[in-house]
């Protein structure tokens, strides 16, 4: 009987690989400072910081506070998940990043997105690829994640560049009302990293 248990241990260990969570380090005391450029050329800096532990579905995660609202994120065994992003809530948690996903591969999500107290049925598609970028005269090897969220009324594109050991180094967002063309959308609000954990 002991031999049978010993043979199962390597199988269980191989089957329980964990994800590389250094792409978005979530721990006590993590602080990121960003430059924000919004619609109409509005520019300012803001901080994002881990505030307190918070569950994200069945996973241990962190509540992250910023001037733009509260987000709740956690790492599962294979993905970065969010149950809340700056005032929007997702049930089940939406997938933001999947480090093992190949270039050109996609992951889909469907569920409920709550915005302004109103529940909306939503779907999302996540794709990502490796990309080298420059931010504030620093060069980063990143995973560029494109998350396309669709509701009956709106399509939202969220482009996020993650760097190992730092997290988000750049993010762009575009929202398009149904019936409009992408060209009619306002300029991209964008954040870029000034300093990180």
C-alpha atoms as a PDB file:
ATOM      1  CA  UNK A   1       0.000   0.000   0.000  1.00  0.00           C
ATOM      2  CA  UNK A   2       2.844   2.441   0.806  1.00  0.00           C
ATOM      3  CA  UNK A   3       4.413   1.872  -2.616  1.00  0.00           C
ATOM      4  CA  UNK A   4       1.120   2.766  -4.346  1.00  0.00           C
ATOM      5  CA  UNK A   5       0.974   6.088  -2.437  1.00  0.00           C
ATOM      6  CA  UNK A   6       4.584   6.889  -3.297  1.00  0.00           C
ATOM      7  CA  UNK A   7       3.896   6.306  -6.978  1.00  0.00           C
ATOM      8  CA  UNK A   8       0.903   8.669  -6.871  1.00  0.00           C
ATOM      9  CA  UNK A   9       2.870  11.573  -5.368  1.00  0.00           C
ATOM     10  CA  UNK A  10       4.876  12.380  -8.539  1.00  0.00           C
ATOM     11  CA  UNK A  11       1.693  12.153 -10.639  1.00  0.00           C
ATOM     12  CA  UNK A  12      -0.119  14.566  -8.319  1.00  0.00           C
ATOM     13  CA  UNK A  13       2.816  16.975  -8.266  1.00  0.00           C
ATOM     14  CA  UNK A  14       3.086  16.981 -12.059  1.00  0.00           C
ATOM     15  CA  UNK A  15      -0.664  17.570 -12.390  1.00  0.00           C
ATOM     16  CA  UNK A  16      -0.623  20.525  -9.974  1.00  0.00           C
ATOM     17  CA  UNK A  17       1.611  22.966 -11.839  1.00  0.00           C
ATOM     18  CA  UNK A  18       1.208  26.518 -10.662  1.00  0.00           C
ATOM     19  CA  UNK A  19       1.090  29.637 -12.778  1.00  0.00           C
ATOM     20  CA  UNK A  20       3.883  32.243 -12.835  1.00  0.00           C
ATOM     21  CA  UNK A  21       2.156  34.937 -10.764  1.00  0.00           C
ATOM     22  CA  UNK A  22       5.100  37.339 -11.139  1.00  0.00           C
ATOM     23  CA  UNK A  23       3.291  38.797 -14.195  1.00  0.00           C
ATOM     24  CA  UNK A  24       1.043  40.645 -11.688  1.00  0.00           C
ATOM     25  CA  UNK A  25       2.575  40.508  -8.188  1.00  0.00           C
ATOM     26  CA  UNK A  26      -0.270  40.646  -5.668  1.00  0.00           C
ATOM     27  CA  UNK A  27       1.061  40.946  -2.130  1.00  0.00           C
ATOM     28  CA  UNK A  28       0.827  43.165   0.907  1.00  0.00           C
ATOM     29  CA  UNK A  29       2.323  46.610   0.383  1.00  0.00           C
ATOM     30  CA  UNK A  30       2.475  46.513  -3.440  1.00  0.00           C
ATOM     31  CA  UNK A  31       2.213  50.022  -4.917  1.00  0.00           C
ATOM     32  CA  UNK A  32       2.246  51.121  -8.566  1.00  0.00           C
ATOM     33  CA  UNK A  33       2.391  54.744  -9.770  1.00  0.00           C
ATOM     34  CA  UNK A  34       1.012  55.547 -13.223  1.00  0.00           C
ATOM     35  CA  UNK A  35       0.770  58.459 -15.610  1.00  0.00           C
ATOM     36  CA  UNK A  36      -2.799  58.741 -16.926  1.00  0.00           C
ATOM     37  CA  UNK A  37      -3.801  60.401 -20.184  1.00  0.00           C
ATOM     38  CA  UNK A  38      -7.526  60.603 -20.802  1.00  0.00           C
ATOM     39  CA  UNK A  39      -9.929  61.870 -23.408  1.00  0.00           C
ATOM     40  CA  UNK A  40      -9.300  65.504 -24.317  1.00  0.00           C
ATOM     41  CA  UNK A  41      -5.654  65.375 -23.238  1.00  0.00           C
ATOM     42  CA  UNK A  42      -6.359  65.256 -19.481  1.00  0.00           C
ATOM     43  CA  UNK A  43      -3.094  64.193 -17.777  1.00  0.00           C
ATOM     44  CA  UNK A  44      -2.386  63.245 -14.171  1.00  0.00           C
ATOM     45  CA  UNK A  45      -0.612  60.670 -12.010  1.00  0.00           C
ATOM     46  CA  UNK A  46      -2.249  58.196  -9.661  1.00  0.00           C
ATOM     47  CA  UNK A  47      -1.369  55.259  -7.426  1.00  0.00           C
ATOM     48  CA  UNK A  48      -2.750  51.756  -7.334  1.00  0.00           C
ATOM     49  CA  UNK A  49      -2.079  49.752  -4.140  1.00  0.00           C
ATOM     50  CA  UNK A  50      -2.993  46.435  -2.555  1.00  0.00           C
ATOM     51  CA  UNK A  51      -5.309  47.380   0.304  1.00  0.00           C
ATOM     52  CA  UNK A  52      -6.361  44.138   1.970  1.00  0.00           C
ATOM     53  CA  UNK A  53      -6.857  40.433   1.282  1.00  0.00           C
ATOM     54  CA  UNK A  54     -10.143  39.725  -0.517  1.00  0.00           C
ATOM     55  CA  UNK A  55     -11.677  36.557  -1.921  1.00  0.00           C
ATOM     56  CA  UNK A  56     -12.199  36.276  -5.666  1.00  0.00           C
ATOM     57  CA  UNK A  57     -14.652  33.403  -6.037  1.00  0.00           C
ATOM     58  CA  UNK A  58     -12.897  30.523  -4.235  1.00  0.00           C
ATOM     59  CA  UNK A  59      -9.400  32.043  -4.592  1.00  0.00           C
ATOM     60  CA  UNK A  60      -7.418  34.148  -2.112  1.00  0.00           C
ATOM     61  CA  UNK A  61      -6.818  37.525  -3.689  1.00  0.00           C
ATOM     62  CA  UNK A  62      -6.356  41.211  -3.006  1.00  0.00           C
ATOM     63  CA  UNK A  63      -8.469  44.333  -3.054  1.00  0.00           C
ATOM     64  CA  UNK A  64      -6.613  46.998  -5.014  1.00  0.00           C
ATOM     65  CA  UNK A  65      -7.502  50.660  -4.443  1.00  0.00           C
ATOM     66  CA  UNK A  66      -6.953  53.589  -6.810  1.00  0.00           C
ATOM     67  CA  UNK A  67      -8.538  56.930  -7.688  1.00  0.00           C
ATOM     68  CA  UNK A  68     -10.562  55.046 -10.315  1.00  0.00           C
ATOM     69  CA  UNK A  69     -12.195  52.690  -7.823  1.00  0.00           C
ATOM     70  CA  UNK A  70     -11.712  49.266  -6.287  1.00  0.00           C
ATOM     71  CA  UNK A  71     -10.534  46.156  -8.113  1.00  0.00           C
ATOM     72  CA  UNK A  72     -10.380  42.613  -6.752  1.00  0.00           C
ATOM     73  CA  UNK A  73      -7.865  40.216  -8.312  1.00  0.00           C
ATOM     74  CA  UNK A  74      -6.500  36.745  -7.588  1.00  0.00           C
ATOM     75  CA  UNK A  75      -4.373  34.095  -9.222  1.00  0.00           C
ATOM     76  CA  UNK A  76      -5.975  30.721  -9.904  1.00  0.00           C
ATOM     77  CA  UNK A  77      -3.795  27.736 -10.790  1.00  0.00           C
ATOM     78  CA  UNK A  78      -3.519  29.047 -14.365  1.00  0.00           C
ATOM     79  CA  UNK A  79      -4.925  32.593 -14.724  1.00  0.00           C
ATOM     80  CA  UNK A  80      -5.203  36.097 -13.269  1.00  0.00           C
ATOM     81  CA  UNK A  81      -8.863  36.633 -12.397  1.00  0.00           C
ATOM     82  CA  UNK A  82     -10.904  39.692 -11.424  1.00  0.00           C
ATOM     83  CA  UNK A  83     -14.298  39.791  -9.734  1.00  0.00           C
ATOM     84  CA  UNK A  84     -14.268  43.598  -9.763  1.00  0.00           C
ATOM     85  CA  UNK A  85     -12.502  46.179 -11.944  1.00  0.00           C
ATOM     86  CA  UNK A  86     -12.903  49.867 -11.053  1.00  0.00           C
ATOM     87  CA  UNK A  87     -16.607  49.666 -10.306  1.00  0.00           C
ATOM     88  CA  UNK A  88     -17.589  46.872 -12.712  1.00  0.00           C
ATOM     89  CA  UNK A  89     -18.308  43.478 -11.111  1.00  0.00           C
ATOM     90  CA  UNK A  90     -18.005  40.135 -12.889  1.00  0.00           C
ATOM     91  CA  UNK A  91     -19.699  36.828 -12.050  1.00  0.00           C
ATOM     92  CA  UNK A  92     -17.974  34.459 -12.507  1.00  0.00           C
ATOM     93  CA  UNK A  93     -14.634  36.294 -12.262  1.00  0.00           C
ATOM     94  CA  UNK A  94     -13.287  37.366 -15.651  1.00  0.00           C
ATOM     95  CA  UNK A  95      -9.901  36.133 -16.929  1.00  0.00           C
ATOM     96  CA  UNK A  96      -7.389  38.997 -17.359  1.00  0.00           C
ATOM     97  CA  UNK A  97      -4.218  37.035 -18.130  1.00  0.00           C
ATOM     98  CA  UNK A  98      -3.272  33.414 -18.782  1.00  0.00           C
ATOM     99  CA  UNK A  99       0.549  33.102 -18.903  1.00  0.00           C
ATOM    100  CA  UNK A 100       0.487  29.632 -20.524  1.00  0.00           C
ATOM    101  CA  UNK A 101      -1.729  30.776 -23.423  1.00  0.00           C
ATOM    102  CA  UNK A 102       0.052  30.593 -26.779  1.00  0.00           C
ATOM    103  CA  UNK A 103       0.354  33.514 -29.195  1.00  0.00           C
ATOM    104  CA  UNK A 104      -2.844  33.608 -31.224  1.00  0.00           C
ATOM    105  CA  UNK A 105      -4.784  31.290 -28.876  1.00  0.00           C
ATOM    106  CA  UNK A 106      -7.965  32.555 -27.213  1.00  0.00           C
ATOM    107  CA  UNK A 107      -9.895  32.004 -23.988  1.00  0.00           C
ATOM    108  CA  UNK A 108     -13.597  32.826 -23.769  1.00  0.00           C
ATOM    109  CA  UNK A 109     -15.724  33.950 -20.832  1.00  0.00           C
ATOM    110  CA  UNK A 110     -19.443  34.482 -20.369  1.00  0.00           C
ATOM    111  CA  UNK A 111     -21.327  35.708 -17.354  1.00  0.00           C
ATOM    112  CA  UNK A 112     -22.804  38.791 -15.742  1.00  0.00           C
ATOM    113  CA  UNK A 113     -21.209  42.228 -15.624  1.00  0.00           C
ATOM    114  CA  UNK A 114     -22.682  44.682 -13.097  1.00  0.00           C
ATOM    115  CA  UNK A 115     -22.112  48.355 -13.896  1.00  0.00           C
ATOM    116  CA  UNK A 116     -23.858  51.205 -12.075  1.00  0.00           C
ATOM    117  CA  UNK A 117     -26.049  48.723 -10.178  1.00  0.00           C
ATOM    118  CA  UNK A 118     -27.366  47.153 -13.416  1.00  0.00           C
ATOM    119  CA  UNK A 119     -26.648  43.529 -14.351  1.00  0.00           C
ATOM    120  CA  UNK A 120     -25.812  42.888 -18.012  1.00  0.00           C
ATOM    121  CA  UNK A 121     -25.186  39.612 -19.762  1.00  0.00           C
ATOM    122  CA  UNK A 122     -21.689  39.730 -21.204  1.00  0.00           C
ATOM    123  CA  UNK A 123     -19.181  37.671 -23.138  1.00  0.00           C
ATOM    124  CA  UNK A 124     -15.433  38.162 -23.471  1.00  0.00           C
ATOM    125  CA  UNK A 125     -12.526  36.881 -25.520  1.00  0.00           C
ATOM    126  CA  UNK A 126      -8.936  37.045 -24.236  1.00  0.00           C
ATOM    127  CA  UNK A 127      -5.965  36.761 -26.577  1.00  0.00           C
ATOM    128  CA  UNK A 128      -2.342  37.553 -25.834  1.00  0.00           C
ATOM    129  CA  UNK A 129       1.132  37.628 -27.297  1.00  0.00           C
ATOM    130  CA  UNK A 130       4.700  38.416 -26.268  1.00  0.00           C
ATOM    131  CA  UNK A 131       5.736  41.962 -27.112  1.00  0.00           C
ATOM    132  CA  UNK A 132       8.718  44.180 -26.323  1.00  0.00           C
ATOM    133  CA  UNK A 133       7.705  47.776 -25.525  1.00  0.00           C
ATOM    134  CA  UNK A 134       9.268  50.977 -24.211  1.00  0.00           C
ATOM    135  CA  UNK A 135       7.675  52.953 -21.373  1.00  0.00           C
ATOM    136  CA  UNK A 136       9.290  56.058 -19.873  1.00  0.00           C
ATOM    137  CA  UNK A 137      12.609  55.228 -21.611  1.00  0.00           C
ATOM    138  CA  UNK A 138      12.628  51.706 -20.116  1.00  0.00           C
ATOM    139  CA  UNK A 139      12.397  48.588 -22.275  1.00  0.00           C
ATOM    140  CA  UNK A 140      10.113  45.746 -21.113  1.00  0.00           C
ATOM    141  CA  UNK A 141       9.485  42.229 -22.405  1.00  0.00           C
ATOM    142  CA  UNK A 142       5.742  41.891 -21.860  1.00  0.00           C
ATOM    143  CA  UNK A 143       2.684  39.760 -22.315  1.00  0.00           C
ATOM    144  CA  UNK A 144       0.167  41.911 -24.216  1.00  0.00           C
ATOM    145  CA  UNK A 145      -3.353  40.805 -23.267  1.00  0.00           C
ATOM    146  CA  UNK A 146      -6.328  41.951 -25.323  1.00  0.00           C
ATOM    147  CA  UNK A 147      -9.672  41.488 -23.601  1.00  0.00           C
ATOM    148  CA  UNK A 148     -12.766  42.160 -25.729  1.00  0.00           C
ATOM    149  CA  UNK A 149     -15.915  42.416 -23.572  1.00  0.00           C
ATOM    150  CA  UNK A 150     -19.319  42.562 -25.270  1.00  0.00           C
ATOM    151  CA  UNK A 151     -22.748  43.375 -23.888  1.00  0.00           C
ATOM    152  CA  UNK A 152     -25.972  44.043 -25.786  1.00  0.00           C
ATOM    153  CA  UNK A 153     -25.192  47.786 -25.846  1.00  0.00           C
ATOM    154  CA  UNK A 154     -21.403  48.123 -25.819  1.00  0.00           C
ATOM    155  CA  UNK A 155     -18.127  46.570 -26.902  1.00  0.00           C
ATOM    156  CA  UNK A 156     -15.109  47.288 -24.696  1.00  0.00           C
ATOM    157  CA  UNK A 157     -11.504  46.654 -25.704  1.00  0.00           C
ATOM    158  CA  UNK A 158      -8.966  46.511 -22.884  1.00  0.00           C
ATOM    159  CA  UNK A 159      -5.302  46.202 -23.929  1.00  0.00           C
ATOM    160  CA  UNK A 160      -2.917  45.511 -21.055  1.00  0.00           C
ATOM    161  CA  UNK A 161       0.847  44.948 -21.135  1.00  0.00           C
ATOM    162  CA  UNK A 162       2.212  42.934 -18.171  1.00  0.00           C
ATOM    163  CA  UNK A 163       5.918  42.694 -17.254  1.00  0.00           C
ATOM    164  CA  UNK A 164       7.347  40.030 -14.939  1.00  0.00           C
ATOM    165  CA  UNK A 165       8.001  41.210 -11.405  1.00  0.00           C
ATOM    166  CA  UNK A 166       6.108  44.461 -12.019  1.00  0.00           C
ATOM    167  CA  UNK A 167       2.593  43.841 -13.316  1.00  0.00           C
ATOM    168  CA  UNK A 168       0.782  46.326 -15.545  1.00  0.00           C
ATOM    169  CA  UNK A 169       3.188  48.639 -17.400  1.00  0.00           C
ATOM    170  CA  UNK A 170       0.686  50.024 -19.936  1.00  0.00           C
ATOM    171  CA  UNK A 171      -3.069  49.850 -20.429  1.00  0.00           C
ATOM    172  CA  UNK A 172      -5.412  51.257 -23.064  1.00  0.00           C
ATOM    173  CA  UNK A 173      -9.188  51.152 -23.193  1.00  0.00           C
ATOM    174  CA  UNK A 174     -11.754  51.821 -25.889  1.00  0.00           C
ATOM    175  CA  UNK A 175     -15.518  51.608 -25.581  1.00  0.00           C
ATOM    176  CA  UNK A 176     -17.752  51.492 -28.671  1.00  0.00           C
ATOM    177  CA  UNK A 177     -21.555  51.716 -28.566  1.00  0.00           C
ATOM    178  CA  UNK A 178     -23.314  49.124 -30.745  1.00  0.00           C
ATOM    179  CA  UNK A 179     -24.022  50.544 -34.185  1.00  0.00           C
ATOM    180  CA  UNK A 180     -20.976  52.856 -34.148  1.00  0.00           C
ATOM    181  CA  UNK A 181     -17.792  52.101 -36.017  1.00  0.00           C
ATOM    182  CA  UNK A 182     -14.494  51.693 -34.193  1.00  0.00           C
ATOM    183  CA  UNK A 183     -13.307  54.920 -35.879  1.00  0.00           C
ATOM    184  CA  UNK A 184     -16.091  56.851 -34.103  1.00  0.00           C
ATOM    185  CA  UNK A 185     -14.787  55.874 -30.670  1.00  0.00           C
ATOM    186  CA  UNK A 186     -13.031  58.567 -28.600  1.00  0.00           C
ATOM    187  CA  UNK A 187      -9.237  58.521 -28.253  1.00  0.00           C
ATOM    188  CA  UNK A 188      -7.837  55.832 -25.991  1.00  0.00           C
ATOM    189  CA  UNK A 189      -7.517  56.586 -22.294  1.00  0.00           C
ATOM    190  CA  UNK A 190      -4.075  55.235 -21.425  1.00  0.00           C
ATOM    191  CA  UNK A 191      -1.980  54.560 -18.333  1.00  0.00           C
ATOM    192  CA  UNK A 192       1.778  54.028 -18.266  1.00  0.00           C
ATOM    193  CA  UNK A 193       3.948  52.869 -15.400  1.00  0.00           C
ATOM    194  CA  UNK A 194       6.105  55.414 -13.575  1.00  0.00           C
ATOM    195  CA  UNK A 195       7.159  53.073 -10.739  1.00  0.00           C
ATOM    196  CA  UNK A 196       6.174  49.646  -9.412  1.00  0.00           C
ATOM    197  CA  UNK A 197       6.790  47.083  -6.706  1.00  0.00           C
END
